C-alpha cells in the first residue's frame, strides 16, 4: 500500500513539473502588419539592407587612366583637324570636277546638229559622272563630320574629369569612326577606278567614228587622258589610311593597359525591427 502511494505521488509530481514547461512555450506574437502601420514591407529576408559600395581604384589604374586620356586627347585633336582638311579638299575637288563635267555634257548634248552618236554618248557619260561628283562635293562641303562633334563632346568631358567608363565610351566611338572611314575609302577607291575605266573607253572609241573632226578627236584624247589619270590617282590614293584609321591604330599602339583586377570592398548595413547588423565583402 505504501509502495502504491509512493508511485501515485511520483506520477503527480511528474505531471506538475511538465505543465509549467509546456506553459513556457512562446506564443505567436501579435504583430501589427507593416501595411497597418504605414511602413514599408520588408524584403524576402525580413530585413531592409542598404548597400554602400566603396571602391578605391589602385594607383596603377589611375596612372593608366591619366596616361590614356592624355594620349587620346592628343590623337583626337590631330585626327579631327586632318579629317576637316581632307573633307575641304574633297568638297572642292568634287564641286569643281562635277561642274566641269556637266559643262562638257551640256556642250555635247545641246548641239542643234549633233556631229555623231559618239558625241551624244560622251555627253551622257559626262552628265552621269558629273552629277555623281557634284553631289559628293556638295555633301562633303555642307555636312559636319562626326569627328568634329565628337571632339567637342570630348573637350567638355575632359574639362569635368574623364572617368574610366567615359574614356571607354569615346574609345568605342573612335573605333566606329575607323570602321566608317574604312568603308568610305573603299567607296572612293572603286569610284576612282570607274573614272579611270571611263577615260580608257573615251580613248578607245575616239578614233572609231569616221565623221568626227580633228577637233573632236583631240578633245576626246585630252578628256580621256585626264579621266584616266585622275581615276588612277584616286584609286592609288585610296590605299592610304584616313586620319581616323591612323588615329585608332596609333592609340592602340601607345595606350597603357589598365589593370584588370583591382581590390574593392563593400559594406552593407542590414536593419529591421528585430535587430541590426553589418555585412562586409571584398573582391580581389
C-alpha atoms as a PDB file:
ATOM      1  CA  UNK A   1       0.000   0.000   0.000  1.00  0.00           C
ATOM      2  CA  UNK A   2       2.834   2.308   0.816  1.00  0.00           C
ATOM      3  CA  UNK A   3       4.526   1.375  -2.463  1.00  0.00           C
ATOM      4  CA  UNK A   4       1.333   2.250  -4.413  1.00  0.00           C
ATOM      5  CA  UNK A   5       1.031   5.589  -2.607  1.00  0.00           C
ATOM      6  CA  UNK A   6       4.638   6.448  -3.432  1.00  0.00           C
ATOM      7  CA  UNK A   7       4.125   5.592  -7.107  1.00  0.00           C
ATOM      8  CA  UNK A   8       0.999   7.818  -7.331  1.00  0.00           C
ATOM      9  CA  UNK A   9       2.824  10.684  -5.607  1.00  0.00           C
ATOM     10  CA  UNK A  10       5.752  10.456  -8.022  1.00  0.00           C
ATOM     11  CA  UNK A  11       3.403  10.437 -11.028  1.00  0.00           C
ATOM     12  CA  UNK A  12       1.620  13.556  -9.770  1.00  0.00           C
ATOM     13  CA  UNK A  13       4.881  15.411  -9.226  1.00  0.00           C
ATOM     14  CA  UNK A  14       5.958  14.498 -12.764  1.00  0.00           C
ATOM     15  CA  UNK A  15       2.744  15.849 -14.278  1.00  0.00           C
ATOM     16  CA  UNK A  16       3.006  19.047 -12.252  1.00  0.00           C
ATOM     17  CA  UNK A  17       6.591  19.536 -13.408  1.00  0.00           C
ATOM     18  CA  UNK A  18       5.649  19.092 -17.087  1.00  0.00           C
ATOM     19  CA  UNK A  19       2.790  21.622 -17.023  1.00  0.00           C
ATOM     20  CA  UNK A  20       4.952  24.740 -16.415  1.00  0.00           C
ATOM     21  CA  UNK A  21       7.339  23.633 -19.142  1.00  0.00           C
ATOM     22  CA  UNK A  22       4.521  23.449 -21.630  1.00  0.00           C
ATOM     23  CA  UNK A  23       3.278  26.829 -20.490  1.00  0.00           C
ATOM     24  CA  UNK A  24       6.667  28.354 -21.206  1.00  0.00           C
ATOM     25  CA  UNK A  25       6.383  27.760 -24.967  1.00  0.00           C
ATOM     26  CA  UNK A  26       6.404  31.106 -26.804  1.00  0.00           C
ATOM     27  CA  UNK A  27       3.129  32.159 -28.224  1.00  0.00           C
ATOM     28  CA  UNK A  28       2.865  33.644 -31.680  1.00  0.00           C
ATOM     29  CA  UNK A  29       3.408  37.376 -31.266  1.00  0.00           C
ATOM     30  CA  UNK A  30       0.540  39.631 -32.119  1.00  0.00           C
ATOM     31  CA  UNK A  31       2.458  41.797 -34.578  1.00  0.00           C
ATOM     32  CA  UNK A  32       0.858  44.571 -36.495  1.00  0.00           C
ATOM     33  CA  UNK A  33       1.329  44.214 -40.254  1.00  0.00           C
ATOM     34  CA  UNK A  34       3.534  46.805 -41.948  1.00  0.00           C
ATOM     35  CA  UNK A  35       0.603  47.828 -44.099  1.00  0.00           C
ATOM     36  CA  UNK A  36      -1.412  48.760 -40.962  1.00  0.00           C
ATOM     37  CA  UNK A  37       1.412  50.898 -39.577  1.00  0.00           C
ATOM     38  CA  UNK A  38       2.117  52.591 -42.902  1.00  0.00           C
ATOM     39  CA  UNK A  39       5.664  51.118 -43.029  1.00  0.00           C
ATOM     40  CA  UNK A  40       7.390  49.548 -45.990  1.00  0.00           C
ATOM     41  CA  UNK A  41       7.073  45.798 -46.239  1.00  0.00           C
ATOM     42  CA  UNK A  42      10.382  44.043 -45.560  1.00  0.00           C
ATOM     43  CA  UNK A  43      12.168  42.158 -48.302  1.00  0.00           C
ATOM     44  CA  UNK A  44      12.194  38.400 -48.697  1.00  0.00           C
ATOM     45  CA  UNK A  45      14.639  38.039 -45.795  1.00  0.00           C
ATOM     46  CA  UNK A  46      12.612  40.288 -43.497  1.00  0.00           C
ATOM     47  CA  UNK A  47      15.342  42.969 -43.402  1.00  0.00           C
ATOM     48  CA  UNK A  48      15.955  46.257 -45.112  1.00  0.00           C
ATOM     49  CA  UNK A  49      19.516  46.334 -46.470  1.00  0.00           C
ATOM     50  CA  UNK A  50      21.410  49.386 -47.672  1.00  0.00           C
ATOM     51  CA  UNK A  51      24.366  48.748 -49.967  1.00  0.00           C
ATOM     52  CA  UNK A  52      27.233  51.189 -49.635  1.00  0.00           C
ATOM     53  CA  UNK A  53      29.870  50.436 -52.271  1.00  0.00           C
ATOM     54  CA  UNK A  54      33.234  51.928 -51.552  1.00  0.00           C
ATOM     55  CA  UNK A  55      35.732  51.184 -54.314  1.00  0.00           C
ATOM     56  CA  UNK A  56      39.084  52.821 -54.483  1.00  0.00           C
ATOM     57  CA  UNK A  57      40.975  52.341 -57.778  1.00  0.00           C
ATOM     58  CA  UNK A  58      44.585  51.411 -57.442  1.00  0.00           C
ATOM     59  CA  UNK A  59      47.437  53.800 -58.163  1.00  0.00           C
ATOM     60  CA  UNK A  60      48.356  51.872 -61.318  1.00  0.00           C
ATOM     61  CA  UNK A  61      44.789  52.181 -62.625  1.00  0.00           C
ATOM     62  CA  UNK A  62      44.725  55.944 -62.005  1.00  0.00           C
ATOM     63  CA  UNK A  63      48.069  56.390 -63.766  1.00  0.00           C
ATOM     64  CA  UNK A  64      46.918  54.313 -66.740  1.00  0.00           C
ATOM     65  CA  UNK A  65      43.674  56.308 -66.998  1.00  0.00           C
ATOM     66  CA  UNK A  66      45.545  59.633 -66.875  1.00  0.00           C
ATOM     67  CA  UNK A  67      48.077  58.477 -69.488  1.00  0.00           C
ATOM     68  CA  UNK A  68      45.413  57.111 -71.874  1.00  0.00           C
ATOM     69  CA  UNK A  69      43.278  60.260 -71.557  1.00  0.00           C
ATOM     70  CA  UNK A  70      46.271  62.448 -72.387  1.00  0.00           C
ATOM     71  CA  UNK A  71      47.213  60.306 -75.415  1.00  0.00           C
ATOM     72  CA  UNK A  72      43.595  60.149 -76.572  1.00  0.00           C
ATOM     73  CA  UNK A  73      43.259  63.936 -76.356  1.00  0.00           C
ATOM     74  CA  UNK A  74      46.382  64.478 -78.469  1.00  0.00           C
ATOM     75  CA  UNK A  75      45.444  61.914 -81.115  1.00  0.00           C
ATOM     76  CA  UNK A  76      41.809  63.023 -81.303  1.00  0.00           C
ATOM     77  CA  UNK A  77      42.712  66.673 -81.936  1.00  0.00           C
ATOM     78  CA  UNK A  78      45.221  65.770 -84.665  1.00  0.00           C
ATOM     79  CA  UNK A  79      42.931  63.331 -86.463  1.00  0.00           C
ATOM     80  CA  UNK A  80      39.965  65.727 -86.360  1.00  0.00           C
ATOM     81  CA  UNK A  81      41.982  68.585 -87.851  1.00  0.00           C
ATOM     82  CA  UNK A  82      43.368  66.292 -90.586  1.00  0.00           C
ATOM     83  CA  UNK A  83      39.867  64.978 -91.365  1.00  0.00           C
ATOM     84  CA  UNK A  84      38.474  68.503 -91.740  1.00  0.00           C
ATOM     85  CA  UNK A  85      41.295  69.415 -94.146  1.00  0.00           C
ATOM     86  CA  UNK A  86      40.661  66.323 -96.250  1.00  0.00           C
ATOM     87  CA  UNK A  87      36.932  66.990 -96.361  1.00  0.00           C
ATOM     88  CA  UNK A  88      37.534  70.537 -97.573  1.00  0.00           C
ATOM     89  CA  UNK A  89      39.796  69.241-100.337  1.00  0.00           C
ATOM     90  CA  UNK A  90      37.274  66.542-101.301  1.00  0.00           C
ATOM     91  CA  UNK A  91      34.466  69.111-101.393  1.00  0.00           C
ATOM     92  CA  UNK A  92      36.434  71.482-103.631  1.00  0.00           C
ATOM     93  CA  UNK A  93      37.527  68.670-105.973  1.00  0.00           C
ATOM     94  CA  UNK A  94      34.018  67.208-106.222  1.00  0.00           C
ATOM     95  CA  UNK A  95      32.278  70.526-106.905  1.00  0.00           C
ATOM     96  CA  UNK A  96      34.919  71.652-109.417  1.00  0.00           C
ATOM     97  CA  UNK A  97      35.104  68.328-111.268  1.00  0.00           C
ATOM     98  CA  UNK A  98      31.336  67.889-111.313  1.00  0.00           C
ATOM     99  CA  UNK A  99      30.762  71.395-112.680  1.00  0.00           C
ATOM    100  CA  UNK A 100      33.317  70.852-115.475  1.00  0.00           C
ATOM    101  CA  UNK A 101      31.777  67.534-116.460  1.00  0.00           C
ATOM    102  CA  UNK A 102      28.265  68.990-116.507  1.00  0.00           C
ATOM    103  CA  UNK A 103      29.544  71.808-118.725  1.00  0.00           C
ATOM    104  CA  UNK A 104      31.095  69.326-121.147  1.00  0.00           C
ATOM    105  CA  UNK A 105      27.896  67.275-121.205  1.00  0.00           C
ATOM    106  CA  UNK A 106      25.839  70.368-121.991  1.00  0.00           C
ATOM    107  CA  UNK A 107      28.236  71.225-124.822  1.00  0.00           C
ATOM    108  CA  UNK A 108      27.761  67.749-126.314  1.00  0.00           C
ATOM    109  CA  UNK A 109      24.021  67.432-125.800  1.00  0.00           C
ATOM    110  CA  UNK A 110      22.758  70.923-126.695  1.00  0.00           C
ATOM    111  CA  UNK A 111      24.189  70.926-130.207  1.00  0.00           C
ATOM    112  CA  UNK A 112      21.493  71.635-132.784  1.00  0.00           C
ATOM    113  CA  UNK A 113      23.161  69.321-135.250  1.00  0.00           C
ATOM    114  CA  UNK A 114      24.996  66.572-133.374  1.00  0.00           C
ATOM    115  CA  UNK A 115      28.155  65.529-135.190  1.00  0.00           C
ATOM    116  CA  UNK A 116      27.690  61.824-134.372  1.00  0.00           C
ATOM    117  CA  UNK A 117      26.148  59.347-131.977  1.00  0.00           C
ATOM    118  CA  UNK A 118      29.562  59.137-130.383  1.00  0.00           C
ATOM    119  CA  UNK A 119      29.359  62.808-129.438  1.00  0.00           C
ATOM    120  CA  UNK A 120      25.958  62.248-127.821  1.00  0.00           C
ATOM    121  CA  UNK A 121      27.325  59.259-125.901  1.00  0.00           C
ATOM    122  CA  UNK A 122      30.111  61.398-124.487  1.00  0.00           C
ATOM    123  CA  UNK A 123      27.563  63.926-123.336  1.00  0.00           C
ATOM    124  CA  UNK A 124      25.528  61.297-121.479  1.00  0.00           C
ATOM    125  CA  UNK A 125      28.636  59.879-119.824  1.00  0.00           C
ATOM    126  CA  UNK A 126      29.862  63.333-118.769  1.00  0.00           C
ATOM    127  CA  UNK A 127      26.477  64.166-117.259  1.00  0.00           C
ATOM    128  CA  UNK A 128      26.304  60.928-115.263  1.00  0.00           C
ATOM    129  CA  UNK A 129      29.790  61.248-113.783  1.00  0.00           C
ATOM    130  CA  UNK A 130      29.375  64.994-113.285  1.00  0.00           C
ATOM    131  CA  UNK A 131      26.219  64.582-111.195  1.00  0.00           C
ATOM    132  CA  UNK A 132      27.945  61.963-109.018  1.00  0.00           C
ATOM    133  CA  UNK A 133      30.979  64.195-108.423  1.00  0.00           C
ATOM    134  CA  UNK A 134      28.902  67.315-107.784  1.00  0.00           C
ATOM    135  CA  UNK A 135      26.635  65.535-105.303  1.00  0.00           C
ATOM    136  CA  UNK A 136      29.641  64.142-103.448  1.00  0.00           C
ATOM    137  CA  UNK A 137      31.297  67.563-103.317  1.00  0.00           C
ATOM    138  CA  UNK A 138      28.201  69.368-102.037  1.00  0.00           C
ATOM    139  CA  UNK A 139      27.649  66.710 -99.388  1.00  0.00           C
ATOM    140  CA  UNK A 140      31.256  66.978 -98.194  1.00  0.00           C
ATOM    141  CA  UNK A 141      31.025  70.780 -98.054  1.00  0.00           C
ATOM    142  CA  UNK A 142      27.753  71.025 -96.140  1.00  0.00           C
ATOM    143  CA  UNK A 143      27.884  68.219 -93.592  1.00  0.00           C
ATOM    144  CA  UNK A 144      29.503  68.496 -90.174  1.00  0.00           C
ATOM    145  CA  UNK A 145      31.758  65.495 -89.645  1.00  0.00           C
ATOM    146  CA  UNK A 146      31.139  63.248 -86.662  1.00  0.00           C
ATOM    147  CA  UNK A 147      34.818  63.692 -85.735  1.00  0.00           C
ATOM    148  CA  UNK A 148      34.210  67.380 -85.064  1.00  0.00           C
ATOM    149  CA  UNK A 149      31.134  66.740 -82.906  1.00  0.00           C
ATOM    150  CA  UNK A 150      32.997  64.025 -81.029  1.00  0.00           C
ATOM    151  CA  UNK A 151      35.911  66.386 -80.319  1.00  0.00           C
ATOM    152  CA  UNK A 152      33.516  68.985 -78.871  1.00  0.00           C
ATOM    153  CA  UNK A 153      31.946  66.409 -76.551  1.00  0.00           C
ATOM    154  CA  UNK A 154      35.361  65.118 -75.562  1.00  0.00           C
ATOM    155  CA  UNK A 155      36.551  68.594 -74.569  1.00  0.00           C
ATOM    156  CA  UNK A 156      33.511  69.036 -72.295  1.00  0.00           C
ATOM    157  CA  UNK A 157      34.049  65.651 -70.688  1.00  0.00           C
ATOM    158  CA  UNK A 158      37.780  66.312 -70.331  1.00  0.00           C
ATOM    159  CA  UNK A 159      37.093  69.593 -68.558  1.00  0.00           C
ATOM    160  CA  UNK A 160      34.952  67.844 -65.929  1.00  0.00           C
ATOM    161  CA  UNK A 161      37.366  64.938 -65.498  1.00  0.00           C
ATOM    162  CA  UNK A 162      37.093  61.780 -67.578  1.00  0.00           C
ATOM    163  CA  UNK A 163      36.298  58.529 -65.818  1.00  0.00           C
ATOM    164  CA  UNK A 164      37.317  55.095 -66.996  1.00  0.00           C
ATOM    165  CA  UNK A 165      33.803  54.401 -68.300  1.00  0.00           C
ATOM    166  CA  UNK A 166      33.668  57.685 -70.265  1.00  0.00           C
ATOM    167  CA  UNK A 167      37.080  57.033 -71.801  1.00  0.00           C
ATOM    168  CA  UNK A 168      35.938  53.575 -72.879  1.00  0.00           C
ATOM    169  CA  UNK A 169      32.848  55.185 -74.464  1.00  0.00           C
ATOM    170  CA  UNK A 170      34.977  57.554 -76.551  1.00  0.00           C
ATOM    171  CA  UNK A 171      37.321  54.715 -77.462  1.00  0.00           C
ATOM    172  CA  UNK A 172      34.329  52.872 -78.894  1.00  0.00           C
ATOM    173  CA  UNK A 173      33.393  55.937 -80.941  1.00  0.00           C
ATOM    174  CA  UNK A 174      36.942  56.158 -82.328  1.00  0.00           C
ATOM    175  CA  UNK A 175      36.825  52.504 -83.314  1.00  0.00           C
ATOM    176  CA  UNK A 176      33.442  53.027 -85.018  1.00  0.00           C
ATOM    177  CA  UNK A 177      34.886  56.038 -86.857  1.00  0.00           C
ATOM    178  CA  UNK A 178      37.744  53.835 -88.043  1.00  0.00           C
ATOM    179  CA  UNK A 179      35.240  51.345 -89.495  1.00  0.00           C
ATOM    180  CA  UNK A 180      33.162  54.075 -91.174  1.00  0.00           C
ATOM    181  CA  UNK A 181      36.147  55.783 -92.793  1.00  0.00           C
ATOM    182  CA  UNK A 182      37.486  52.455 -93.987  1.00  0.00           C
ATOM    183  CA  UNK A 183      34.209  51.790 -95.815  1.00  0.00           C
ATOM    184  CA  UNK A 184      34.199  55.281 -97.334  1.00  0.00           C
ATOM    185  CA  UNK A 185      37.765  54.779 -98.528  1.00  0.00           C
ATOM    186  CA  UNK A 186      36.730  51.610-100.353  1.00  0.00           C
ATOM    187  CA  UNK A 187      33.881  53.552-101.992  1.00  0.00           C
ATOM    188  CA  UNK A 188      36.321  56.247-103.175  1.00  0.00           C
ATOM    189  CA  UNK A 189      38.645  53.535-104.488  1.00  0.00           C
ATOM    190  CA  UNK A 190      36.047  51.975-106.758  1.00  0.00           C
ATOM    191  CA  UNK A 191      34.743  55.375-107.789  1.00  0.00           C
ATOM    192  CA  UNK A 192      38.271  56.300-108.919  1.00  0.00           C
ATOM    193  CA  UNK A 193      38.556  53.032-110.810  1.00  0.00           C
ATOM    194  CA  UNK A 194      35.251  53.777-112.558  1.00  0.00           C
ATOM    195  CA  UNK A 195      36.592  57.157-113.704  1.00  0.00           C
ATOM    196  CA  UNK A 196      39.763  55.517-114.966  1.00  0.00           C
ATOM    197  CA  UNK A 197      37.774  52.943-116.962  1.00  0.00           C
ATOM    198  CA  UNK A 198      35.621  55.740-118.401  1.00  0.00           C
ATOM    199  CA  UNK A 199      38.759  57.555-119.543  1.00  0.00           C
ATOM    200  CA  UNK A 200      40.090  54.406-121.190  1.00  0.00           C
ATOM    201  CA  UNK A 201      36.795  53.926-123.031  1.00  0.00           C
ATOM    202  CA  UNK A 202      36.913  57.514-124.303  1.00  0.00           C
ATOM    203  CA  UNK A 203      40.469  56.976-125.583  1.00  0.00           C
ATOM    204  CA  UNK A 204      39.497  53.674-127.193  1.00  0.00           C
ATOM    205  CA  UNK A 205      36.396  54.929-129.022  1.00  0.00           C
ATOM    206  CA  UNK A 206      37.649  58.374-130.048  1.00  0.00           C
ATOM    207  CA  UNK A 207      39.255  57.261-133.384  1.00  0.00           C
ATOM    208  CA  UNK A 208      36.302  54.996-134.318  1.00  0.00           C
ATOM    209  CA  UNK A 209      33.802  57.489-135.845  1.00  0.00           C
ATOM    210  CA  UNK A 210      34.803  58.463-139.385  1.00  0.00           C
ATOM    211  CA  UNK A 211      32.635  61.583-139.378  1.00  0.00           C
ATOM    212  CA  UNK A 212      34.332  63.132-136.357  1.00  0.00           C
ATOM    213  CA  UNK A 213      36.512  66.152-136.963  1.00  0.00           C
ATOM    214  CA  UNK A 214      40.094  66.625-135.845  1.00  0.00           C
ATOM    215  CA  UNK A 215      38.941  68.935-133.027  1.00  0.00           C
ATOM    216  CA  UNK A 216      36.564  66.286-131.685  1.00  0.00           C
ATOM    217  CA  UNK A 217      39.312  63.696-131.708  1.00  0.00           C
ATOM    218  CA  UNK A 218      41.765  65.961-129.915  1.00  0.00           C
ATOM    219  CA  UNK A 219      39.190  66.826-127.269  1.00  0.00           C
ATOM    220  CA  UNK A 220      38.361  63.129-126.890  1.00  0.00           C
ATOM    221  CA  UNK A 221      42.013  62.229-126.373  1.00  0.00           C
ATOM    222  CA  UNK A 222      42.514  65.046-123.887  1.00  0.00           C
ATOM    223  CA  UNK A 223      39.359  64.287-121.900  1.00  0.00           C
ATOM    224  CA  UNK A 224      40.046  60.535-121.916  1.00  0.00           C
ATOM    225  CA  UNK A 225      43.610  61.080-120.750  1.00  0.00           C
ATOM    226  CA  UNK A 226      42.524  63.396-117.937  1.00  0.00           C
ATOM    227  CA  UNK A 227      39.838  60.944-116.824  1.00  0.00           C
ATOM    228  CA  UNK A 228      42.296  58.059-116.774  1.00  0.00           C
ATOM    229  CA  UNK A 229      44.964  59.997-114.888  1.00  0.00           C
ATOM    230  CA  UNK A 230      42.596  61.343-112.231  1.00  0.00           C
ATOM    231  CA  UNK A 231      40.869  57.997-111.803  1.00  0.00           C
ATOM    232  CA  UNK A 232      44.145  56.089-111.381  1.00  0.00           C
ATOM    233  CA  UNK A 233      45.488  58.728-108.976  1.00  0.00           C
ATOM    234  CA  UNK A 234      42.321  58.497-106.875  1.00  0.00           C
ATOM    235  CA  UNK A 235      42.489  54.707-106.942  1.00  0.00           C
ATOM    236  CA  UNK A 236      46.111  54.736-105.752  1.00  0.00           C
ATOM    237  CA  UNK A 237      45.443  57.375-103.065  1.00  0.00           C
ATOM    238  CA  UNK A 238      42.588  55.312-101.632  1.00  0.00           C
ATOM    239  CA  UNK A 239      45.110  52.813-100.250  1.00  0.00           C
ATOM    240  CA  UNK A 240      46.369  55.451 -97.814  1.00  0.00           C
ATOM    241  CA  UNK A 241      44.583  55.190 -94.447  1.00  0.00           C
ATOM    242  CA  UNK A 242      42.360  58.064 -93.396  1.00  0.00           C
ATOM    243  CA  UNK A 243      43.170  60.153 -90.271  1.00  0.00           C
ATOM    244  CA  UNK A 244      40.570  58.267 -88.210  1.00  0.00           C
ATOM    245  CA  UNK A 245      42.096  54.922 -89.165  1.00  0.00           C
ATOM    246  CA  UNK A 246      45.578  56.174 -88.303  1.00  0.00           C
ATOM    247  CA  UNK A 247      44.322  57.588 -85.000  1.00  0.00           C
ATOM    248  CA  UNK A 248      42.802  54.279 -83.920  1.00  0.00           C
ATOM    249  CA  UNK A 249      45.965  52.336 -84.812  1.00  0.00           C
ATOM    250  CA  UNK A 250      48.234  54.858 -83.075  1.00  0.00           C
ATOM    251  CA  UNK A 251      46.098  54.965 -79.945  1.00  0.00           C
ATOM    252  CA  UNK A 252      46.165  51.179 -79.601  1.00  0.00           C
ATOM    253  CA  UNK A 253      49.939  51.279 -80.012  1.00  0.00           C
ATOM    254  CA  UNK A 254      50.541  53.954 -77.357  1.00  0.00           C
ATOM    255  CA  UNK A 255      47.808  53.292 -74.794  1.00  0.00           C
ATOM    256  CA  UNK A 256      48.662  51.824 -71.407  1.00  0.00           C
ATOM    257  CA  UNK A 257      46.720  48.704 -70.379  1.00  0.00           C
ATOM    258  CA  UNK A 258      44.526  49.209 -67.311  1.00  0.00           C
ATOM    259  CA  UNK A 259      44.947  46.576 -64.572  1.00  0.00           C
ATOM    260  CA  UNK A 260      42.056  44.153 -64.827  1.00  0.00           C
ATOM    261  CA  UNK A 261      41.886  43.013 -61.183  1.00  0.00           C
ATOM    262  CA  UNK A 262      41.583  45.661 -58.509  1.00  0.00           C
ATOM    263  CA  UNK A 263      40.832  45.387 -54.805  1.00  0.00           C
ATOM    264  CA  UNK A 264      37.366  46.619 -53.877  1.00  0.00           C
ATOM    265  CA  UNK A 265      35.305  46.166 -50.761  1.00  0.00           C
ATOM    266  CA  UNK A 266      31.628  46.501 -49.897  1.00  0.00           C
ATOM    267  CA  UNK A 267      29.908  47.453 -46.652  1.00  0.00           C
ATOM    268  CA  UNK A 268      26.184  46.686 -46.334  1.00  0.00           C
ATOM    269  CA  UNK A 269      24.257  47.640 -43.169  1.00  0.00           C
ATOM    270  CA  UNK A 270      21.176  45.461 -42.528  1.00  0.00           C
ATOM    271  CA  UNK A 271      18.372  46.828 -40.340  1.00  0.00           C
ATOM    272  CA  UNK A 272      14.955  45.541 -39.245  1.00  0.00           C
ATOM    273  CA  UNK A 273      12.522  45.868 -36.322  1.00  0.00           C
ATOM    274  CA  UNK A 274      14.129  42.848 -34.674  1.00  0.00           C
ATOM    275  CA  UNK A 275      17.732  43.959 -34.864  1.00  0.00           C
ATOM    276  CA  UNK A 276      20.567  45.405 -36.937  1.00  0.00           C
ATOM    277  CA  UNK A 277      23.831  44.161 -38.393  1.00  0.00           C
ATOM    278  CA  UNK A 278      26.658  44.914 -40.807  1.00  0.00           C
ATOM    279  CA  UNK A 279      27.924  42.702 -43.634  1.00  0.00           C
ATOM    280  CA  UNK A 280      31.297  43.039 -45.289  1.00  0.00           C
ATOM    281  CA  UNK A 281      32.593  41.706 -48.604  1.00  0.00           C
ATOM    282  CA  UNK A 282      35.721  42.162 -50.722  1.00  0.00           C
ATOM    283  CA  UNK A 283      36.830  41.450 -54.296  1.00  0.00           C
ATOM    284  CA  UNK A 284      40.463  40.682 -55.089  1.00  0.00           C
END
